[in-house]
PDB file of N, CA and C in Angstrom:
ATOM      1  N   MET A   1       9.604   6.189  39.839  1.00  0.00           N
ATOM      2  CA  MET A   1       9.820   7.022  38.687  1.00  0.00           C
ATOM      3  C   MET A   1       8.480   7.278  38.018  1.00  0.00           C
ATOM      4  N   SER A   2       8.152   8.538  37.840  1.00  0.00           N
ATOM      5  CA  SER A   2       6.875   8.872  37.204  1.00  0.00           C
ATOM      6  C   SER A   2       6.955   8.664  35.701  1.00  0.00           C
ATOM      7  N   GLU A   3       5.785   8.511  35.101  1.00  0.00           N
ATOM      8  CA  GLU A   3       5.718   8.268  33.660  1.00  0.00           C
ATOM      9  C   GLU A   3       6.248   9.458  32.876  1.00  0.00           C
ATOM     10  N   SER A   4       6.004  10.671  33.339  1.00  0.00           N
ATOM     11  CA  SER A   4       6.445  11.858  32.609  1.00  0.00           C
ATOM     12  C   SER A   4       7.960  11.997  32.622  1.00  0.00           C
ATOM     13  N   ALA A   5       8.625  11.407  33.604  1.00  0.00           N
ATOM     14  CA  ALA A   5      10.082  11.492  33.659  1.00  0.00           C
ATOM     15  C   ALA A   5      10.749  10.588  32.639  1.00  0.00           C
ATOM     16  N   SER A   6      10.074   9.532  32.177  1.00  0.00           N
ATOM     17  CA  SER A   6      10.683   8.600  31.240  1.00  0.00           C
ATOM     18  C   SER A   6      10.502   9.007  29.780  1.00  0.00           C
ATOM     19  N   PHE A   7       9.581   9.909  29.486  1.00  0.00           N
ATOM     20  CA  PHE A   7       9.346  10.342  28.117  1.00  0.00           C
ATOM     21  C   PHE A   7       9.668  11.826  27.987  1.00  0.00           C
ATOM     22  N   PRO A   8      10.248  12.220  26.848  1.00  0.00           N
ATOM     23  CA  PRO A   8      10.513  13.649  26.663  1.00  0.00           C
ATOM     24  C   PRO A   8       9.192  14.400  26.564  1.00  0.00           C
ATOM     25  N   SER A   9       9.188  15.639  26.991  1.00  0.00           N
ATOM     26  CA  SER A   9       7.956  16.427  26.970  1.00  0.00           C
ATOM     27  C   SER A   9       7.597  16.872  25.558  1.00  0.00           C
ATOM     28  N   ARG A  10       8.587  16.847  24.667  1.00  0.00           N
ATOM     29  CA  ARG A  10       8.330  17.291  23.302  1.00  0.00           C
ATOM     30  C   ARG A  10       9.116  16.397  22.341  1.00  0.00           C
ATOM     31  N   ILE A  11       8.445  15.995  21.270  1.00  0.00           N
ATOM     32  CA  ILE A  11       9.108  15.188  20.252  1.00  0.00           C
ATOM     33  C   ILE A  11       9.591  16.117  19.156  1.00  0.00           C
ATOM     34  N   ASP A  12      10.876  16.030  18.844  1.00  0.00           N
ATOM     35  CA  ASP A  12      11.456  16.877  17.809  1.00  0.00           C
ATOM     36  C   ASP A  12      11.434  16.093  16.496  1.00  0.00           C
ATOM     37  N   ALA A  13      10.385  16.301  15.695  1.00  0.00           N
ATOM     38  CA  ALA A  13      10.242  15.571  14.439  1.00  0.00           C
ATOM     39  C   ALA A  13      10.214  16.556  13.278  1.00  0.00           C
ATOM     40  N   ASP A  14      10.844  16.164  12.181  1.00  0.00           N
ATOM     41  CA  ASP A  14      10.841  16.971  10.974  1.00  0.00           C
ATOM     42  C   ASP A  14       9.478  16.807  10.292  1.00  0.00           C
ATOM     43  N   PRO A  15       8.733  17.900  10.101  1.00  0.00           N
ATOM     44  CA  PRO A  15       7.392  17.774   9.502  1.00  0.00           C
ATOM     45  C   PRO A  15       7.407  17.102   8.134  1.00  0.00           C
ATOM     46  N   GLU A  16       8.436  17.353   7.331  1.00  0.00           N
ATOM     47  CA  GLU A  16       8.479  16.748   5.991  1.00  0.00           C
ATOM     48  C   GLU A  16       8.681  15.240   6.070  1.00  0.00           C
ATOM     49  N   SER A  17       9.539  14.796   6.978  1.00  0.00           N
ATOM     50  CA  SER A  17       9.753  13.348   7.088  1.00  0.00           C
ATOM     51  C   SER A  17       8.534  12.665   7.688  1.00  0.00           C
ATOM     52  N   VAL A  18       7.835  13.345   8.579  1.00  0.00           N
ATOM     53  CA  VAL A  18       6.605  12.780   9.143  1.00  0.00           C
ATOM     54  C   VAL A  18       5.550  12.656   8.047  1.00  0.00           C
ATOM     55  N   GLU A  19       5.419  13.692   7.216  1.00  0.00           N
ATOM     56  CA  GLU A  19       4.446  13.654   6.122  1.00  0.00           C
ATOM     57  C   GLU A  19       4.796  12.530   5.139  1.00  0.00           C
ATOM     58  N   ARG A  20       6.062  12.432   4.773  1.00  0.00           N
ATOM     59  CA  ARG A  20       6.487  11.386   3.827  1.00  0.00           C
ATOM     60  C   ARG A  20       6.233   9.991   4.416  1.00  0.00           C
ATOM     61  N   GLY A  21       6.523   9.828   5.697  1.00  0.00           N
ATOM     62  CA  GLY A  21       6.286   8.541   6.340  1.00  0.00           C
ATOM     63  C   GLY A  21       4.805   8.185   6.379  1.00  0.00           C
ATOM     64  N   LEU A  22       3.971   9.182   6.633  1.00  0.00           N
ATOM     65  CA  LEU A  22       2.529   8.936   6.669  1.00  0.00           C
ATOM     66  C   LEU A  22       1.999   8.594   5.279  1.00  0.00           C
ATOM     67  N   VAL A  23       2.439   9.335   4.274  1.00  0.00           N
ATOM     68  CA  VAL A  23       2.025   9.051   2.891  1.00  0.00           C
ATOM     69  C   VAL A  23       2.486   7.658   2.484  1.00  0.00           C
ATOM     70  N   THR A  24       3.708   7.313   2.822  1.00  0.00           N
ATOM     71  CA  THR A  24       4.228   5.986   2.491  1.00  0.00           C
ATOM     72  C   THR A  24       3.383   4.899   3.147  1.00  0.00           C
ATOM     73  N   LEU A  25       3.047   5.089   4.412  1.00  0.00           N
ATOM     74  CA  LEU A  25       2.235   4.101   5.117  1.00  0.00           C
ATOM     75  C   LEU A  25       0.854   3.956   4.484  1.00  0.00           C
ATOM     76  N   VAL A  26       0.198   5.065   4.180  1.00  0.00           N
ATOM     77  CA  VAL A  26      -1.148   5.020   3.589  1.00  0.00           C
ATOM     78  C   VAL A  26      -1.101   4.362   2.212  1.00  0.00           C
ATOM     79  N   LEU A  27      -0.140   4.756   1.379  1.00  0.00           N
ATOM     80  CA  LEU A  27      -0.047   4.162   0.044  1.00  0.00           C
ATOM     81  C   LEU A  27       0.330   2.682   0.123  1.00  0.00           C
ATOM     82  N   THR A  28       1.105   2.304   1.114  1.00  0.00           N
ATOM     83  CA  THR A  28       1.440   0.893   1.297  1.00  0.00           C
ATOM     84  C   THR A  28       0.179   0.089   1.610  1.00  0.00           C
ATOM     85  N   LEU A  29      -0.656   0.615   2.486  1.00  0.00           N
ATOM     86  CA  LEU A  29      -1.899  -0.087   2.824  1.00  0.00           C
ATOM     87  C   LEU A  29      -2.828  -0.171   1.617  1.00  0.00           C
ATOM     88  N   VAL A  30      -2.913   0.907   0.834  1.00  0.00           N
ATOM     89  CA  VAL A  30      -3.747   0.888  -0.369  1.00  0.00           C
ATOM     90  C   VAL A  30      -3.190  -0.125  -1.373  1.00  0.00           C
ATOM     91  N   GLU A  31      -1.867  -0.164  -1.526  1.00  0.00           N
ATOM     92  CA  GLU A  31      -1.243  -1.116  -2.441  1.00  0.00           C
ATOM     93  C   GLU A  31      -1.486  -2.556  -1.973  1.00  0.00           C
ATOM     94  N   LEU A  32      -1.399  -2.778  -0.683  1.00  0.00           N
ATOM     95  CA  LEU A  32      -1.672  -4.115  -0.145  1.00  0.00           C
ATOM     96  C   LEU A  32      -3.105  -4.535  -0.462  1.00  0.00           C
ATOM     97  N   LEU A  33      -4.055  -3.639  -0.250  1.00  0.00           N
ATOM     98  CA  LEU A  33      -5.453  -3.944  -0.564  1.00  0.00           C
ATOM     99  C   LEU A  33      -5.654  -4.152  -2.053  1.00  0.00           C
ATOM    100  N   ARG A  34      -4.978  -3.350  -2.886  1.00  0.00           N
ATOM    101  CA  ARG A  34      -5.086  -3.505  -4.335  1.00  0.00           C
ATOM    102  C   ARG A  34      -4.601  -4.883  -4.765  1.00  0.00           C
ATOM    103  N   GLN A  35      -3.465  -5.304  -4.229  1.00  0.00           N
ATOM    104  CA  GLN A  35      -2.928  -6.610  -4.581  1.00  0.00           C
ATOM    105  C   GLN A  35      -3.831  -7.753  -4.105  1.00  0.00           C
ATOM    106  N   LEU A  36      -4.410  -7.598  -2.920  1.00  0.00           N
ATOM    107  CA  LEU A  36      -5.335  -8.616  -2.418  1.00  0.00           C
ATOM    108  C   LEU A  36      -6.586  -8.701  -3.289  1.00  0.00           C
ATOM    109  N   MET A  37      -7.111  -7.543  -3.707  1.00  0.00           N
ATOM    110  CA  MET A  37      -8.281  -7.522  -4.585  1.00  0.00           C
ATOM    111  C   MET A  37      -7.957  -8.186  -5.921  1.00  0.00           C
ATOM    112  N   GLU A  38      -6.769  -7.905  -6.441  1.00  0.00           N
ATOM    113  CA  GLU A  38      -6.360  -8.485  -7.715  1.00  0.00           C
ATOM    114  C   GLU A  38      -6.274 -10.011  -7.614  1.00  0.00           C
ATOM    115  N   ARG A  39      -5.700 -10.505  -6.547  1.00  0.00           N
ATOM    116  CA  ARG A  39      -5.597 -11.960  -6.366  1.00  0.00           C
ATOM    117  C   ARG A  39      -6.975 -12.602  -6.228  1.00  0.00           C
ATOM    118  N   GLN A  40      -7.850 -11.949  -5.470  1.00  0.00           N
ATOM    119  CA  GLN A  40      -9.214 -12.471  -5.307  1.00  0.00           C
ATOM    120  C   GLN A  40      -9.939 -12.484  -6.649  1.00  0.00           C
ATOM    121  N   ALA A  41      -9.750 -11.431  -7.435  1.00  0.00           N
ATOM    122  CA  ALA A  41     -10.391 -11.364  -8.753  1.00  0.00           C
ATOM    123  C   ALA A  41      -9.879 -12.484  -9.650  1.00  0.00           C
ATOM    124  N   LEU A  42      -8.574 -12.708  -9.667  1.00  0.00           N
ATOM    125  CA  LEU A  42      -8.012 -13.783 -10.489  1.00  0.00           C
ATOM    126  C   LEU A  42      -8.529 -15.143 -10.037  1.00  0.00           C
ATOM    127  N   HIS A  43      -8.663 -15.321  -8.740  1.00  0.00           N
ATOM    128  CA  HIS A  43      -9.195 -16.576  -8.211  1.00  0.00           C
ATOM    129  C   HIS A  43     -10.626 -16.796  -8.714  1.00  0.00           C
ATOM    130  N   ARG A  44     -11.434 -15.727  -8.693  1.00  0.00           N
ATOM    131  CA  ARG A  44     -12.827 -15.847  -9.153  1.00  0.00           C
ATOM    132  C   ARG A  44     -12.896 -16.093 -10.656  1.00  0.00           C
ATOM    133  N   VAL A  45     -12.010 -15.481 -11.404  1.00  0.00           N
ATOM    134  CA  VAL A  45     -11.974 -15.718 -12.851  1.00  0.00           C
ATOM    135  C   VAL A  45     -11.594 -17.172 -13.115  1.00  0.00           C
ATOM    136  N   ASP A  46     -10.563 -17.645 -12.422  1.00  0.00           N
ATOM    137  CA  ASP A  46     -10.122 -19.025 -12.600  1.00  0.00           C
ATOM    138  C   ASP A  46     -11.218 -20.021 -12.203  1.00  0.00           C
ATOM    139  N   ALA A  47     -12.005 -19.675 -11.204  1.00  0.00           N
ATOM    140  CA  ALA A  47     -13.073 -20.565 -10.746  1.00  0.00           C
ATOM    141  C   ALA A  47     -14.287 -20.516 -11.667  1.00  0.00           C
ATOM    142  N   GLY A  48     -14.330 -19.559 -12.591  1.00  0.00           N
ATOM    143  CA  GLY A  48     -15.452 -19.451 -13.520  1.00  0.00           C
ATOM    144  C   GLY A  48     -16.695 -18.848 -12.908  1.00  0.00           C
ATOM    145  N   ASP A  49     -16.539 -18.059 -11.854  1.00  0.00           N
ATOM    146  CA  ASP A  49     -17.673 -17.447 -11.153  1.00  0.00           C
ATOM    147  C   ASP A  49     -18.214 -16.200 -11.842  1.00  0.00           C
ATOM    148  N   LEU A  50     -17.495 -15.657 -12.813  1.00  0.00           N
ATOM    149  CA  LEU A  50     -17.861 -14.353 -13.377  1.00  0.00           C
ATOM    150  C   LEU A  50     -18.249 -14.475 -14.844  1.00  0.00           C
ATOM    151  N   THR A  51     -19.138 -13.571 -15.275  1.00  0.00           N
ATOM    152  CA  THR A  51     -19.500 -13.507 -16.691  1.00  0.00           C
ATOM    153  C   THR A  51     -18.395 -12.774 -17.449  1.00  0.00           C
ATOM    154  N   ASP A  52     -18.449 -12.863 -18.770  1.00  0.00           N
ATOM    155  CA  ASP A  52     -17.448 -12.151 -19.580  1.00  0.00           C
ATOM    156  C   ASP A  52     -17.507 -10.644 -19.327  1.00  0.00           C
ATOM    157  N   GLU A  53     -18.716 -10.109 -19.175  1.00  0.00           N
ATOM    158  CA  GLU A  53     -18.875  -8.668 -18.903  1.00  0.00           C
ATOM    159  C   GLU A  53     -18.239  -8.302 -17.552  1.00  0.00           C
ATOM    160  N   GLN A  54     -18.457  -9.119 -16.549  1.00  0.00           N
ATOM    161  CA  GLN A  54     -17.875  -8.857 -15.228  1.00  0.00           C
ATOM    162  C   GLN A  54     -16.349  -8.944 -15.278  1.00  0.00           C
ATOM    163  N   ILE A  55     -15.839  -9.896 -16.038  1.00  0.00           N
ATOM    164  CA  ILE A  55     -14.387 -10.025 -16.170  1.00  0.00           C
ATOM    165  C   ILE A  55     -13.807  -8.789 -16.845  1.00  0.00           C
ATOM    166  N   GLU A  56     -14.484  -8.326 -17.901  1.00  0.00           N
ATOM    167  CA  GLU A  56     -14.014  -7.131 -18.612  1.00  0.00           C
ATOM    168  C   GLU A  56     -14.017  -5.910 -17.686  1.00  0.00           C
ATOM    169  N   ARG A  57     -15.113  -5.727 -16.960  1.00  0.00           N
ATOM    170  CA  ARG A  57     -15.225  -4.578 -16.045  1.00  0.00           C
ATOM    171  C   ARG A  57     -14.195  -4.673 -14.922  1.00  0.00           C
ATOM    172  N   LEU A  58     -13.991  -5.858 -14.397  1.00  0.00           N
ATOM    173  CA  LEU A  58     -13.001  -6.063 -13.331  1.00  0.00           C
ATOM    174  C   LEU A  58     -11.591  -5.754 -13.826  1.00  0.00           C
ATOM    175  N   GLY A  59     -11.272  -6.227 -15.033  1.00  0.00           N
ATOM    176  CA  GLY A  59      -9.954  -5.942 -15.599  1.00  0.00           C
ATOM    177  C   GLY A  59      -9.717  -4.466 -15.784  1.00  0.00           C
ATOM    178  N   THR A  60     -10.728  -3.767 -16.302  1.00  0.00           N
ATOM    179  CA  THR A  60     -10.607  -2.315 -16.492  1.00  0.00           C
ATOM    180  C   THR A  60     -10.424  -1.609 -15.151  1.00  0.00           C
ATOM    181  N   THR A  61     -11.192  -2.016 -14.165  1.00  0.00           N
ATOM    182  CA  THR A  61     -11.099  -1.398 -12.833  1.00  0.00           C
ATOM    183  C   THR A  61      -9.718  -1.607 -12.225  1.00  0.00           C
ATOM    184  N   LEU A  62      -9.196  -2.819 -12.322  1.00  0.00           N
ATOM    185  CA  LEU A  62      -7.875  -3.096 -11.740  1.00  0.00           C
ATOM    186  C   LEU A  62      -6.769  -2.340 -12.469  1.00  0.00           C
ATOM    187  N   MET A  63      -6.906  -2.213 -13.790  1.00  0.00           N
ATOM    188  CA  MET A  63      -5.909  -1.435 -14.542  1.00  0.00           C
ATOM    189  C   MET A  63      -5.939   0.031 -14.141  1.00  0.00           C
ATOM    190  N   LEU A  64      -7.138   0.601 -13.993  1.00  0.00           N
ATOM    191  CA  LEU A  64      -7.260   2.004 -13.579  1.00  0.00           C
ATOM    192  C   LEU A  64      -6.711   2.206 -12.167  1.00  0.00           C
ATOM    193  N   LEU A  65      -6.997   1.270 -11.286  1.00  0.00           N
ATOM    194  CA  LEU A  65      -6.497   1.376  -9.912  1.00  0.00           C
ATOM    195  C   LEU A  65      -4.969   1.337  -9.878  1.00  0.00           C
ATOM    196  N   GLU A  66      -4.384   0.447 -10.670  1.00  0.00           N
ATOM    197  CA  GLU A  66      -2.917   0.380 -10.733  1.00  0.00           C
ATOM    198  C   GLU A  66      -2.340   1.670 -11.315  1.00  0.00           C
ATOM    199  N   GLN A  67      -3.025   2.217 -12.313  1.00  0.00           N
ATOM    200  CA  GLN A  67      -2.573   3.475 -12.919  1.00  0.00           C
ATOM    201  C   GLN A  67      -2.635   4.623 -11.903  1.00  0.00           C
ATOM    202  N   ARG A  68      -3.704   4.678 -11.137  1.00  0.00           N
ATOM    203  CA  ARG A  68      -3.835   5.743 -10.113  1.00  0.00           C
ATOM    204  C   ARG A  68      -2.769   5.596  -9.032  1.00  0.00           C
ATOM    205  N   MET A  69      -2.475   4.365  -8.664  1.00  0.00           N
ATOM    206  CA  MET A  69      -1.410   4.155  -7.671  1.00  0.00           C
ATOM    207  C   MET A  69      -0.068   4.659  -8.205  1.00  0.00           C
ATOM    208  N   ALA A  70       0.209   4.401  -9.471  1.00  0.00           N
ATOM    209  CA  ALA A  70       1.457   4.876 -10.073  1.00  0.00           C
ATOM    210  C   ALA A  70       1.486   6.405 -10.079  1.00  0.00           C
ATOM    211  N   GLU A  71       0.351   7.026 -10.382  1.00  0.00           N
ATOM    212  CA  GLU A  71       0.283   8.489 -10.369  1.00  0.00           C
ATOM    213  C   GLU A  71       0.532   9.038  -8.963  1.00  0.00           C
ATOM    214  N   LEU A  72      -0.064   8.400  -7.962  1.00  0.00           N
ATOM    215  CA  LEU A  72       0.138   8.856  -6.580  1.00  0.00           C
ATOM    216  C   LEU A  72       1.597   8.676  -6.148  1.00  0.00           C
ATOM    217  N   ARG A  73       2.197   7.545  -6.526  1.00  0.00           N
ATOM    218  CA  ARG A  73       3.619   7.342  -6.188  1.00  0.00           C
ATOM    219  C   ARG A  73       4.469   8.423  -6.842  1.00  0.00           C
ATOM    220  N   ASP A  74       4.205   8.713  -8.113  1.00  0.00           N
ATOM    221  CA  ASP A  74       4.958   9.753  -8.809  1.00  0.00           C
ATOM    222  C   ASP A  74       4.752  11.112  -8.140  1.00  0.00           C
ATOM    223  N   HIS A  75       3.511  11.409  -7.785  1.00  0.00           N
ATOM    224  CA  HIS A  75       3.201  12.696  -7.161  1.00  0.00           C
ATOM    225  C   HIS A  75       3.998  12.907  -5.871  1.00  0.00           C
ATOM    226  N   PHE A  76       4.135  11.842  -5.094  1.00  0.00           N
ATOM    227  CA  PHE A  76       4.839  11.968  -3.810  1.00  0.00           C
ATOM    228  C   PHE A  76       6.303  11.545  -3.901  1.00  0.00           C
ATOM    229  N   GLY A  77       6.783  11.260  -5.118  1.00  0.00           N
ATOM    230  CA  GLY A  77       8.194  10.924  -5.313  1.00  0.00           C
ATOM    231  C   GLY A  77       8.583   9.582  -4.701  1.00  0.00           C
ATOM    232  N   LEU A  78       7.677   8.627  -4.753  1.00  0.00           N
ATOM    233  CA  LEU A  78       7.934   7.307  -4.175  1.00  0.00           C
ATOM    234  C   LEU A  78       8.080   6.271  -5.288  1.00  0.00           C
ATOM    235  N   THR A  79       8.838   5.236  -5.011  1.00  0.00           N
ATOM    236  CA  THR A  79       8.971   4.111  -5.943  1.00  0.00           C
ATOM    237  C   THR A  79       8.159   2.942  -5.398  1.00  0.00           C
ATOM    238  N   PRO A  80       7.886   1.926  -6.224  1.00  0.00           N
ATOM    239  CA  PRO A  80       7.180   0.750  -5.693  1.00  0.00           C
ATOM    240  C   PRO A  80       7.937   0.107  -4.535  1.00  0.00           C
ATOM    241  N   GLU A  81       9.268   0.157  -4.589  1.00  0.00           N
ATOM    242  CA  GLU A  81      10.065  -0.436  -3.509  1.00  0.00           C
ATOM    243  C   GLU A  81       9.891   0.335  -2.195  1.00  0.00           C
ATOM    244  N   ASP A  82       9.633   1.642  -2.277  1.00  0.00           N
ATOM    245  CA  ASP A  82       9.411   2.430  -1.058  1.00  0.00           C
ATOM    246  C   ASP A  82       8.186   1.946  -0.294  1.00  0.00           C
ATOM    247  N   LEU A  83       7.206   1.372  -1.021  1.00  0.00           N
ATOM    248  CA  LEU A  83       5.967   0.945  -0.369  1.00  0.00           C
ATOM    249  C   LEU A  83       6.087  -0.434   0.266  1.00  0.00           C
ATOM    250  N   ASN A  84       7.173  -1.120  -0.015  1.00  0.00           N
ATOM    251  CA  ASN A  84       7.348  -2.460   0.537  1.00  0.00           C
ATOM    252  C   ASN A  84       8.088  -2.359   1.867  1.00  0.00           C
ATOM    253  N   ILE A  85       7.345  -2.053   2.900  1.00  0.00           N
ATOM    254  CA  ILE A  85       7.906  -1.803   4.224  1.00  0.00           C
ATOM    255  C   ILE A  85       8.546  -3.073   4.774  1.00  0.00           C
ATOM    256  N   ASP A  86       9.770  -2.928   5.267  1.00  0.00           N
ATOM    257  CA  ASP A  86      10.500  -4.051   5.854  1.00  0.00           C
ATOM    258  C   ASP A  86      10.059  -4.229   7.303  1.00  0.00           C
ATOM    259  N   LEU A  87       9.520  -5.403   7.604  1.00  0.00           N
ATOM    260  CA  LEU A  87       9.023  -5.683   8.960  1.00  0.00           C
ATOM    261  C   LEU A  87      10.058  -6.424   9.798  1.00  0.00           C
ATOM    262  N   GLY A  88      11.315  -6.295   9.417  1.00  0.00           N
ATOM    263  CA  GLY A  88      12.393  -6.938  10.174  1.00  0.00           C
ATOM    264  C   GLY A  88      12.364  -8.442  10.019  1.00  0.00           C
ATOM    265  N   PRO A  89      12.325  -9.163  11.131  1.00  0.00           N
ATOM    266  CA  PRO A  89      12.377 -10.631  11.049  1.00  0.00           C
ATOM    267  C   PRO A  89      11.164 -11.246  10.352  1.00  0.00           C
ATOM    268  N   LEU A  90      10.094 -10.488  10.205  1.00  0.00           N
ATOM    269  CA  LEU A  90       8.899 -11.001   9.530  1.00  0.00           C
ATOM    270  C   LEU A  90       8.998 -10.891   8.016  1.00  0.00           C
ATOM    271  N   GLY A  91       9.999 -10.154   7.527  1.00  0.00           N
ATOM    272  CA  GLY A  91      10.144  -9.973   6.084  1.00  0.00           C
ATOM    273  C   GLY A  91       9.517  -8.663   5.640  1.00  0.00           C
ATOM    274  N   THR A  92       9.199  -8.594   4.363  1.00  0.00           N
ATOM    275  CA  THR A  92       8.601  -7.380   3.823  1.00  0.00           C
ATOM    276  C   THR A  92       7.087  -7.511   3.803  1.00  0.00           C
ATOM    277  N   LEU A  93       6.421  -6.368   3.817  1.00  0.00           N
ATOM    278  CA  LEU A  93       4.952  -6.367   3.865  1.00  0.00           C
ATOM    279  C   LEU A  93       4.358  -6.887   2.562  1.00  0.00           C
ATOM    280  N   LEU A  94       4.926  -6.468   1.439  1.00  0.00           N
ATOM    281  CA  LEU A  94       4.414  -6.878   0.139  1.00  0.00           C
ATOM    282  C   LEU A  94       5.340  -7.941  -0.440  1.00  0.00           C
ATOM    283  N   PRO A  95       4.793  -8.828  -1.270  1.00  0.00           N
ATOM    284  CA  PRO A  95       5.684  -9.812  -1.898  1.00  0.00           C
ATOM    285  C   PRO A  95       6.650  -9.118  -2.849  1.00  0.00           C
ATOM    286  N   ARG A  96       7.868  -9.642  -2.922  1.00  0.00           N
ATOM    287  CA  ARG A  96       8.847  -9.079  -3.863  1.00  0.00           C
ATOM    288  C   ARG A  96       8.516  -9.583  -5.245  1.00  0.00           C
ATOM    289  N   GLU A  97       8.558  -8.667  -6.201  1.00  0.00           N
ATOM    290  CA  GLU A  97       8.222  -9.059  -7.579  1.00  0.00           C
ATOM    291  C   GLU A  97       9.460  -9.273  -8.380  1.00  0.00           C
TER     292      GLU A  97
END
């Protein structure tokens, strides 16, 4: 059996659902990185590695990043739960809040 016989020659995909799925995936990855950065920042603050100025700047940056993520979710009609991709037996990608 040839490889071309096992796969359809054309995939019938709805462009809107493909776009929504791609946007969801990209925003999920950005949200995952945002949450990891936030945890790392809190760890550094707790460890006393940062000056007061650095803590202030970090807090402002994280707040702006969270605000931009909310704007992007609103723009594409997504909720925070939409970004928490279910990986089946592995659980969800993001921690449940």
